[in-house]
Amino acid sequence: MPNNPVLVVTNPLHYTYFRTRQSTAAIGSRHGLIQDYGAELGFDANTTLYDSPNTIEALIAKYQQANPDTPAEFMAWKAANVTAHVLGNDYALAHDLERKTYIRSLLPADLFPRFVIVPAAALEGQTYTGLAAQLESTSLVLQIDYSTGGKGTFYISDQTDLDAVLPRLIAAGQDIVASALIVGTSRGIQCYVTEQQAVCMDWWHRDLVGLPEICNLDNPHATKYCGAILEDIPAVYTEQARSIVQRVGASMANEGYRGVFGLDIVVDEASQKIYVIEVNPRFTAVSHLYATAMHAHGYSTDFMTAHIESLLEVGASSVADFAPSRPLGQTYYYLKLQNKQPGGVRLAEACRLGVYDAVGTYRRFGFGIDGLQASDEVVVIPESSRGAGRLSGERVFSMIGSGDPLEADHLLPSARATIQMFYDKMLVPDVGK
């Protein structure tokens, strides 16, 4: 086992999960240096685990560079007390696997929609007509080679669309993947890979983006990701999904990757064919949702725990434990609620982590699907400490429940009423924010 391991977690759901499930003595916790300077070393906005013994030292160097007046003896003390291993896959490998061009170089082209790679140096000469002819499609998708959260994805249907985004593509300075748009349903699958095998459950999720009821669309800085809905994979797609996961996982394992990864796909419902869109070689925003669902549906462990235990060399989780099919039998949702007010708010003292009933009464401790015992219960997870101020557009708390809260692209009236009740109970104005 590595000495003094540190788990880097910036997603509150994941942090709560590990703090509750794991031994804090073995796992460690977040560190201020990582929070302040981790982005410069590649830590993403969810959870990232990197195997790099020098990472903590690099963070200390960043701190000293930004704070040159810090006494040398203080930095020596800090170095002696935070030297540690940061657990996980190598950062360079994870970064490469997340690149759209790199993953397409590893996998057979038939796994993806038709695509061409446009070098960064050739972007200025591109036209919509030229791209459409190459892809034999009038509806195109352009993706910056490395970007997360959908921020580098653009939909193009004519030259005007291309002209509008071309300056941003050129400014990014990266190669671009241009693909034929598949008219179908976007989904995500949570996966796990060892040296020998990649597996998934017979579940997938729908990402929720830009829901006006919980997302501050008036704030251009607000994150548009609003959560996800977890559901069973329809039987017609189950074997195809498993086969794709195994093919992708085998390529990642050959590169040296181990543990949890997410797969973004699109389903062409006319042909019933699944296409790979991109790979997320890390814990994703929905990892916690899958993990607690696994415990609620009979699994003795989960992908997140197996990932950590394998890195710490303290567990012997086998992919055989994940093989039996255990249908959800219903859908579950996970919503991330933002401050929709033009001014600041803060979390009220009543905002506690746990399970609440339909009228907002606190029932018991719980932080995931496995904490739900009735159909009218929801889990509330504060995004910050009670009393902490949250600006307009910032996330305030997350909510987990059962059933499908959507009607087309909007929340059902019943779901809106429940959310508004919790907004009223959990938030109070923050004067001066």
Protein backbone atom coordinates (compact mmCIF):
# COMPACT_ATOMS: atom_id res chain seq x y z
CA MET A 1 0.00 0.00 0.00
CA PRO A 2 1.37 3.46 -0.82
CA ASN A 3 2.40 5.54 2.16
CA ASN A 4 0.01 8.31 3.16
CA PRO A 5 -2.28 8.13 0.09
CA VAL A 6 -4.36 11.12 -0.87
CA LEU A 7 -7.70 10.89 -2.65
CA VAL A 8 -8.39 13.96 -4.77
CA VAL A 9 -12.12 14.68 -4.75
CA THR A 10 -13.75 17.95 -5.77
CA ASN A 11 -17.29 16.69 -6.45
CA PRO A 12 -19.23 16.99 -3.13
CA LEU A 13 -21.22 13.83 -3.87
CA HIS A 14 -18.10 11.75 -4.46
CA TYR A 15 -16.33 13.24 -1.45
CA THR A 16 -19.30 12.46 0.79
CA TYR A 17 -19.43 8.95 -0.62
CA PHE A 18 -15.80 8.12 0.11
CA ARG A 19 -15.75 9.85 3.47
CA THR A 20 -18.73 7.71 4.50
CA ARG A 21 -17.81 4.41 2.81
CA GLN A 22 -14.07 4.33 3.29
CA SER A 23 -11.59 4.60 6.11
CA THR A 24 -10.51 8.23 6.23
CA ALA A 25 -7.18 7.11 7.71
CA ALA A 26 -6.45 5.02 4.63
CA ILE A 27 -8.00 7.22 1.97
CA GLY A 28 -7.00 10.70 3.10
CA SER A 29 -8.98 13.75 2.03
CA ARG A 30 -8.90 16.94 0.02
CA HIS A 31 -5.99 19.30 0.55
CA GLY A 32 -5.97 23.07 0.15
CA LEU A 33 -3.04 22.99 -2.27
CA ILE A 34 -4.96 20.68 -4.58
CA GLN A 35 -8.02 22.91 -4.43
CA ASP A 36 -5.97 26.02 -5.18
CA TYR A 37 -3.53 24.77 -7.81
CA GLY A 38 -4.80 21.37 -8.94
CA ALA A 39 -6.38 22.70 -12.15
CA GLU A 40 -2.93 23.61 -13.45
CA LEU A 41 -1.92 19.96 -13.09
CA GLY A 42 -5.01 18.59 -14.79
CA PHE A 43 -7.46 17.82 -11.98
CA ASP A 44 -10.96 18.01 -13.42
CA ALA A 45 -14.21 19.26 -11.92
CA ASN A 46 -15.47 15.87 -10.78
CA THR A 47 -13.05 13.35 -9.32
CA THR A 48 -9.64 12.53 -10.68
CA LEU A 49 -7.15 10.02 -9.33
CA TYR A 50 -3.62 10.23 -10.68
CA ASP A 51 -0.60 8.04 -9.96
CA SER A 52 2.17 10.61 -9.72
CA PRO A 53 4.42 10.60 -6.62
CA ASN A 54 5.72 14.07 -7.47
CA THR A 55 2.33 15.73 -7.83
CA ILE A 56 2.19 17.03 -4.25
CA GLU A 57 5.70 18.42 -4.58
CA ALA A 58 4.64 20.13 -7.81
CA LEU A 59 1.68 21.68 -6.01
CA ILE A 60 3.97 22.97 -3.29
CA ALA A 61 6.21 24.50 -5.95
CA LYS A 62 3.16 26.22 -7.48
CA TYR A 63 2.24 27.57 -4.04
CA GLN A 64 5.73 28.91 -3.43
CA GLN A 65 5.82 30.52 -6.88
CA ALA A 66 2.51 32.26 -6.24
CA ASN A 67 3.51 33.23 -2.69
CA PRO A 68 7.21 34.17 -2.90
CA ASP A 69 7.19 35.87 0.51
CA THR A 70 6.22 32.67 2.32
CA PRO A 71 8.95 31.82 4.88
CA ALA A 72 11.19 28.95 3.77
CA GLU A 73 10.74 27.17 7.10
CA PHE A 74 6.96 27.15 6.59
CA MET A 75 7.34 25.59 3.15
CA ALA A 76 9.74 23.01 4.55
CA TRP A 77 7.18 22.12 7.20
CA LYS A 78 4.43 21.91 4.57
CA ALA A 79 6.53 19.67 2.33
CA ALA A 80 7.29 17.33 5.21
CA ASN A 81 3.63 17.04 6.18
CA VAL A 82 1.89 16.67 2.83
CA THR A 83 4.31 14.55 0.80
CA ALA A 84 2.12 11.74 -0.52
CA HIS A 85 1.07 9.61 -3.43
CA VAL A 86 -1.94 10.76 -5.41
CA LEU A 87 -3.75 7.60 -6.39
CA GLY A 88 -4.90 6.67 -9.84
CA ASN A 89 -4.11 6.28 -13.49
CA ASP A 90 -1.27 8.25 -14.99
CA TYR A 91 -2.40 11.75 -15.90
CA ALA A 92 -0.84 11.74 -19.37
CA LEU A 93 -2.63 8.48 -20.19
CA ALA A 94 -5.98 9.72 -18.86
CA HIS A 95 -5.59 12.98 -20.77
CA ASP A 96 -4.83 11.15 -24.02
CA LEU A 97 -7.78 8.78 -23.65
CA GLU A 98 -10.10 11.74 -23.18
CA ARG A 99 -8.92 13.32 -26.43
CA LYS A 100 -11.40 12.71 -29.26
CA THR A 101 -8.66 12.14 -31.85
CA TYR A 102 -6.64 9.75 -29.69
CA ILE A 103 -9.54 7.45 -28.79
CA ARG A 104 -10.48 7.27 -32.48
CA SER A 105 -6.93 6.21 -33.31
CA LEU A 106 -7.23 3.30 -30.85
CA LEU A 107 -10.67 1.98 -31.78
CA PRO A 108 -12.21 0.65 -35.00
CA ALA A 109 -13.83 3.44 -37.02
CA ASP A 110 -17.14 1.54 -37.17
CA LEU A 111 -17.71 2.26 -33.46
CA PHE A 112 -18.13 5.97 -34.23
CA PRO A 113 -20.37 8.02 -36.51
CA ARG A 114 -18.61 8.88 -39.81
CA PHE A 115 -15.85 11.35 -38.99
CA VAL A 116 -12.85 13.21 -40.33
CA ILE A 117 -10.09 14.88 -38.34
CA VAL A 118 -9.34 18.47 -39.26
CA PRO A 119 -5.84 19.58 -38.17
CA ALA A 120 -5.72 22.86 -36.27
CA ALA A 121 -3.58 24.41 -39.01
CA ALA A 122 -6.24 23.64 -41.65
CA LEU A 123 -9.24 25.12 -39.86
CA GLU A 124 -9.20 28.50 -41.59
CA GLY A 125 -9.71 26.92 -44.98
CA GLN A 126 -12.70 24.80 -44.04
CA THR A 127 -16.18 25.32 -45.50
CA TYR A 128 -19.51 23.79 -44.56
CA THR A 129 -19.95 22.45 -48.09
CA GLY A 130 -16.57 20.74 -48.01
CA LEU A 131 -17.15 19.11 -44.63
CA ALA A 132 -20.69 18.03 -45.54
CA ALA A 133 -19.42 16.39 -48.74
CA GLN A 134 -16.71 14.46 -46.88
CA LEU A 135 -19.16 13.22 -44.24
CA GLU A 136 -22.07 12.64 -46.65
CA SER A 137 -24.34 14.52 -44.26
CA THR A 138 -25.95 17.96 -44.05
CA SER A 139 -26.00 17.96 -40.21
CA LEU A 140 -22.58 17.98 -38.59
CA VAL A 141 -21.01 17.91 -35.14
CA LEU A 142 -17.66 19.59 -34.51
CA GLN A 143 -15.68 18.67 -31.38
CA ILE A 144 -12.51 20.26 -30.06
CA ASP A 145 -9.96 17.52 -29.45
CA TYR A 146 -9.78 18.01 -25.67
CA SER A 147 -12.69 19.58 -23.83
CA THR A 148 -15.06 18.42 -21.08
CA GLY A 149 -18.66 19.04 -20.12
CA GLY A 150 -19.78 19.53 -23.73
CA LYS A 151 -18.09 22.94 -23.84
CA GLY A 152 -16.20 22.09 -27.04
CA THR A 153 -19.08 20.57 -29.02
CA PHE A 154 -20.89 22.51 -31.78
CA TYR A 155 -23.75 21.56 -34.11
CA ILE A 156 -23.47 22.83 -37.69
CA SER A 157 -26.14 22.85 -40.42
CA ASP A 158 -24.94 25.61 -42.78
CA GLN A 159 -22.09 28.04 -43.48
CA THR A 160 -23.57 30.62 -41.09
CA ASP A 161 -23.31 28.11 -38.22
CA LEU A 162 -19.71 27.34 -39.16
CA ASP A 163 -18.75 31.02 -39.44
CA ALA A 164 -20.18 31.63 -35.96
CA VAL A 165 -18.02 29.00 -34.23
CA LEU A 166 -14.89 28.96 -36.41
CA PRO A 167 -13.10 31.75 -34.47
CA ARG A 168 -13.55 29.75 -31.22
CA LEU A 169 -12.29 26.58 -32.88
CA ILE A 170 -9.24 28.37 -34.26
CA ALA A 171 -8.55 30.06 -30.91
CA ALA A 172 -8.57 26.66 -29.16
CA GLY A 173 -5.49 25.71 -31.20
CA GLN A 174 -6.44 22.02 -31.29
CA ASP A 175 -7.35 19.48 -33.95
CA ILE A 176 -11.08 19.09 -34.54
CA VAL A 177 -13.19 15.96 -35.00
CA ALA A 178 -15.98 16.58 -37.52
CA SER A 179 -18.73 13.92 -37.49
CA ALA A 180 -22.02 13.23 -39.20
CA LEU A 181 -24.84 13.99 -36.77
CA ILE A 182 -26.70 10.87 -35.64
CA VAL A 183 -30.37 11.64 -35.06
CA GLY A 184 -31.04 9.61 -31.97
CA THR A 185 -30.86 9.43 -28.19
CA SER A 186 -27.76 10.38 -26.19
CA ARG A 187 -26.89 8.14 -23.26
CA GLY A 188 -23.98 7.40 -20.95
CA ILE A 189 -22.73 4.12 -19.49
CA GLN A 190 -20.58 3.65 -16.38
CA CYS A 191 -17.90 0.99 -16.88
CA TYR A 192 -15.07 -0.78 -15.06
CA VAL A 193 -11.96 -2.35 -16.59
CA THR A 194 -9.23 -4.65 -15.27
CA GLU A 195 -6.26 -6.12 -17.12
CA GLN A 196 -8.50 -8.89 -18.45
CA GLN A 197 -12.04 -7.59 -18.85
CA ALA A 198 -14.34 -4.58 -19.05
CA VAL A 199 -17.85 -4.71 -17.59
CA CYS A 200 -20.94 -2.57 -17.11
CA MET A 201 -24.35 -3.03 -15.51
CA ASP A 202 -27.45 -3.29 -17.69
CA TRP A 203 -28.15 0.38 -16.89
CA TRP A 204 -27.46 3.63 -18.64
CA HIS A 205 -28.25 7.28 -17.93
CA ARG A 206 -29.67 10.33 -19.69
CA ASP A 207 -27.80 13.54 -18.97
CA LEU A 208 -29.96 16.56 -18.17
CA VAL A 209 -28.76 19.90 -19.54
CA GLY A 210 -30.21 23.40 -19.32
CA LEU A 211 -33.42 22.66 -17.39
CA PRO A 212 -34.89 26.13 -16.82
CA GLU A 213 -36.51 25.09 -13.53
CA ILE A 214 -33.17 24.47 -11.81
CA CYS A 215 -30.56 26.11 -14.06
CA ASN A 216 -29.90 29.84 -14.10
CA LEU A 217 -30.08 30.35 -17.86
CA ASP A 218 -29.88 34.12 -17.38
CA ASN A 219 -26.35 33.79 -15.99
CA PRO A 220 -23.82 33.07 -18.77
CA HIS A 221 -21.35 31.73 -16.20
CA ALA A 222 -23.75 29.16 -14.76
CA THR A 223 -23.04 25.51 -15.54
CA LYS A 224 -25.73 24.04 -17.79
CA TYR A 225 -25.34 20.45 -16.56
CA CYS A 226 -28.34 19.68 -14.36
CA GLY A 227 -27.98 15.99 -13.48
CA ALA A 228 -29.04 12.66 -14.93
CA ILE A 229 -31.72 9.98 -15.02
CA LEU A 230 -30.62 6.38 -14.43
CA GLU A 231 -32.64 3.64 -16.12
CA ASP A 232 -32.45 0.06 -17.43
CA ILE A 233 -30.98 -0.44 -20.88
CA PRO A 234 -33.80 -1.72 -23.13
CA ALA A 235 -33.34 -5.41 -23.89
CA VAL A 236 -32.86 -4.74 -27.61
CA TYR A 237 -29.65 -2.80 -26.82
CA THR A 238 -28.21 -4.76 -23.86
CA GLU A 239 -25.89 -7.16 -25.68
CA GLN A 240 -24.71 -4.49 -28.12
CA ALA A 241 -23.92 -2.13 -25.24
CA ARG A 242 -21.98 -4.81 -23.36
CA SER A 243 -20.01 -5.71 -26.50
CA ILE A 244 -19.06 -2.08 -27.11
CA VAL A 245 -17.96 -1.65 -23.49
CA GLN A 246 -15.76 -4.74 -23.78
CA ARG A 247 -14.18 -3.55 -27.04
CA VAL A 248 -13.48 -0.06 -25.71
CA GLY A 249 -12.28 -1.39 -22.35
CA ALA A 250 -9.88 -3.85 -24.00
CA SER A 251 -8.20 -1.00 -25.90
CA MET A 252 -7.95 1.11 -22.75
CA ALA A 253 -6.51 -1.84 -20.79
CA ASN A 254 -3.89 -2.37 -23.52
CA GLU A 255 -2.84 1.25 -22.95
CA GLY A 256 -2.48 0.58 -19.23
CA TYR A 257 -5.72 2.12 -17.94
CA ARG A 258 -7.48 0.43 -14.98
CA GLY A 259 -10.68 1.12 -13.05
CA VAL A 260 -13.74 3.29 -13.65
CA PHE A 261 -14.49 5.01 -16.94
CA GLY A 262 -17.56 6.54 -18.54
CA LEU A 263 -18.75 6.00 -22.09
CA ASP A 264 -20.85 8.60 -23.95
CA ILE A 265 -22.94 7.07 -26.73
CA VAL A 266 -25.74 7.93 -29.13
CA VAL A 267 -28.43 5.45 -30.19
CA ASP A 268 -29.67 5.55 -33.78
CA GLU A 269 -33.16 4.28 -33.06
CA ALA A 270 -33.97 3.79 -36.76
CA SER A 271 -31.14 1.29 -37.25
CA GLN A 272 -30.92 0.25 -33.55
CA LYS A 273 -27.16 0.86 -33.70
CA ILE A 274 -25.14 2.33 -30.85
CA TYR A 275 -22.29 4.70 -31.67
CA VAL A 276 -19.48 5.81 -29.34
CA ILE A 277 -19.14 9.58 -28.93
CA GLU A 278 -16.33 9.87 -26.39
CA VAL A 279 -14.62 8.21 -23.43
CA ASN A 280 -14.28 9.72 -19.95
CA PRO A 281 -11.28 8.00 -18.27
CA ARG A 282 -12.19 9.01 -14.69
CA PHE A 283 -15.04 9.14 -12.24
CA THR A 284 -17.87 11.12 -13.80
CA ALA A 285 -20.64 13.25 -12.35
CA VAL A 286 -22.93 10.18 -12.15
CA SER A 287 -20.44 7.74 -10.59
CA HIS A 288 -22.00 8.26 -7.16
CA LEU A 289 -25.49 7.59 -8.58
CA TYR A 290 -24.40 4.27 -10.06
CA ALA A 291 -22.45 3.27 -6.94
CA THR A 292 -25.33 3.72 -4.51
CA ALA A 293 -27.70 2.05 -6.99
CA MET A 294 -25.40 -0.97 -7.07
CA HIS A 295 -25.65 -1.36 -3.30
CA ALA A 296 -29.42 -0.87 -3.40
CA HIS A 297 -29.77 -3.64 -5.99
CA GLY A 298 -27.75 -6.42 -4.43
CA TYR A 299 -24.13 -5.79 -5.40
CA SER A 300 -21.68 -6.42 -2.57
CA THR A 301 -19.42 -3.62 -3.77
CA ASP A 302 -19.41 -0.94 -6.47
CA PHE A 303 -17.15 0.38 -9.21
CA MET A 304 -15.93 3.38 -7.21
CA THR A 305 -14.93 1.32 -4.19
CA ALA A 306 -13.33 -1.37 -6.36
CA HIS A 307 -11.34 1.32 -8.16
CA ILE A 308 -9.90 2.71 -4.91
CA GLU A 309 -9.28 -0.68 -3.32
CA SER A 310 -7.39 -1.91 -6.36
CA LEU A 311 -5.17 1.18 -6.34
CA LEU A 312 -4.51 0.76 -2.63
CA GLU A 313 -3.93 -2.98 -3.16
CA VAL A 314 -6.27 -3.79 -0.27
CA GLY A 315 -9.20 -5.31 -2.17
CA ALA A 316 -9.79 -8.27 -4.41
CA SER A 317 -12.93 -7.16 -6.23
CA SER A 318 -13.60 -9.40 -9.19
CA VAL A 319 -15.47 -8.44 -12.34
CA ALA A 320 -17.49 -11.61 -11.66
CA ASP A 321 -19.13 -9.70 -8.79
CA PHE A 322 -20.52 -7.24 -11.34
CA ALA A 323 -21.63 -9.75 -13.95
CA PRO A 324 -25.15 -10.81 -12.80
CA SER A 325 -27.93 -8.75 -14.33
CA ARG A 326 -29.88 -6.89 -11.66
CA PRO A 327 -32.59 -4.72 -13.27
CA LEU A 328 -33.38 -1.40 -11.66
CA GLY A 329 -37.08 -1.94 -12.34
CA GLN A 330 -37.62 1.82 -12.17
CA THR A 331 -35.82 5.05 -12.96
CA TYR A 332 -33.88 7.26 -10.57
CA TYR A 333 -32.99 10.91 -10.99
CA TYR A 334 -30.17 13.10 -9.80
CA LEU A 335 -30.60 16.88 -10.00
CA LYS A 336 -28.09 19.65 -9.27
CA LEU A 337 -29.99 22.78 -8.27
CA GLN A 338 -28.55 26.24 -8.79
CA ASN A 339 -29.22 29.58 -7.19
CA LYS A 340 -31.70 31.02 -9.68
CA GLN A 341 -31.98 34.36 -7.87
CA PRO A 342 -30.21 37.45 -9.26
CA GLY A 343 -28.61 37.97 -5.85
CA GLY A 344 -26.82 35.72 -3.38
CA VAL A 345 -28.36 33.10 -1.13
CA ARG A 346 -27.07 30.92 1.67
CA LEU A 347 -27.98 27.47 2.89
CA ALA A 348 -30.40 27.60 5.79
CA GLU A 349 -29.71 25.76 9.03
CA ALA A 350 -32.50 23.34 8.01
CA CYS A 351 -30.44 22.14 5.02
CA ARG A 352 -29.00 18.87 6.32
CA LEU A 353 -27.55 15.98 4.35
CA GLY A 354 -30.11 13.17 4.39
CA VAL A 355 -33.46 11.73 3.37
CA TYR A 356 -36.63 13.87 3.39
CA ASP A 357 -40.28 13.01 2.87
CA ALA A 358 -42.68 14.58 0.37
CA VAL A 359 -43.37 17.61 2.58
CA GLY A 360 -39.71 18.30 3.29
CA THR A 361 -39.43 16.73 6.76
CA TYR A 362 -36.03 15.27 7.60
CA ARG A 363 -36.24 11.49 8.03
CA ARG A 364 -32.73 10.05 8.45
CA PHE A 365 -29.15 10.14 7.20
CA GLY A 366 -28.58 9.09 3.61
CA PHE A 367 -26.62 10.24 0.59
CA GLY A 368 -27.68 8.06 -2.33
CA ILE A 369 -30.20 5.76 -3.94
CA ASP A 370 -29.58 3.13 -1.27
CA GLY A 371 -30.93 5.59 1.33
CA LEU A 372 -34.40 5.73 -0.25
CA GLN A 373 -37.06 3.52 1.32
CA ALA A 374 -40.28 4.97 -0.12
CA SER A 375 -41.33 6.39 -3.48
CA ASP A 376 -42.08 9.82 -2.02
CA GLU A 377 -38.67 10.24 -0.38
CA VAL A 378 -35.76 12.26 -1.75
CA VAL A 379 -32.14 12.69 -0.71
CA VAL A 380 -30.79 16.24 -0.33
CA ILE A 381 -27.03 16.83 -0.51
CA PRO A 382 -25.85 20.40 0.32
CA GLU A 383 -23.17 21.71 -2.05
CA SER A 384 -21.50 23.70 0.72
CA SER A 385 -21.65 24.28 4.47
CA ARG A 386 -24.84 25.57 6.04
CA GLY A 387 -24.76 29.34 6.19
CA ALA A 388 -22.29 29.58 3.30
CA GLY A 389 -23.10 32.16 0.65
CA ARG A 390 -23.79 31.11 -2.94
CA LEU A 391 -23.81 33.60 -5.79
CA SER A 392 -26.31 33.69 -8.62
CA GLY A 393 -25.81 30.65 -10.85
CA GLU A 394 -23.83 28.67 -8.27
CA ARG A 395 -25.05 25.24 -7.23
CA VAL A 396 -26.78 25.10 -3.88
CA PHE A 397 -27.78 21.47 -3.32
CA SER A 398 -28.35 18.20 -5.14
CA MET A 399 -31.42 15.97 -5.01
CA ILE A 400 -31.86 12.24 -5.65
CA GLY A 401 -35.21 10.48 -6.01
CA SER A 402 -37.03 7.71 -7.84
CA GLY A 403 -39.16 7.92 -10.97
CA ASP A 404 -38.85 10.05 -14.09
CA PRO A 405 -39.27 13.77 -13.30
CA LEU A 406 -39.40 14.83 -16.95
CA GLU A 407 -42.11 15.58 -19.45
CA ALA A 408 -40.41 16.21 -22.79
CA ASP A 409 -37.61 18.70 -21.97
CA HIS A 410 -39.16 20.14 -18.81
CA LEU A 411 -39.79 18.96 -15.30
CA LEU A 412 -43.23 17.63 -14.51
CA PRO A 413 -45.46 19.98 -12.46
CA SER A 414 -45.18 17.62 -9.47
CA ALA A 415 -41.37 17.68 -9.68
CA ARG A 416 -41.34 21.48 -10.01
CA ALA A 417 -43.53 21.80 -6.93
CA THR A 418 -41.24 19.52 -4.91
CA ILE A 419 -38.15 21.42 -6.00
CA GLN A 420 -39.71 24.79 -5.22
CA MET A 421 -40.63 23.55 -1.75
CA PHE A 422 -37.01 22.60 -1.08
CA TYR A 423 -35.76 25.88 -2.52
CA ASP A 424 -38.05 27.69 -0.04
CA LYS A 425 -36.98 25.54 2.92
CA MET A 426 -33.26 25.29 2.25
CA LEU A 427 -32.29 28.76 1.03
CA VAL A 428 -32.44 32.24 2.52
CA PRO A 429 -31.29 35.55 1.00
CA ASP A 430 -27.65 36.41 1.59
CA VAL A 431 -27.61 40.16 2.13
CA GLY A 432 -24.90 41.91 0.18
CA LYS A 433 -24.20 39.02 -2.20
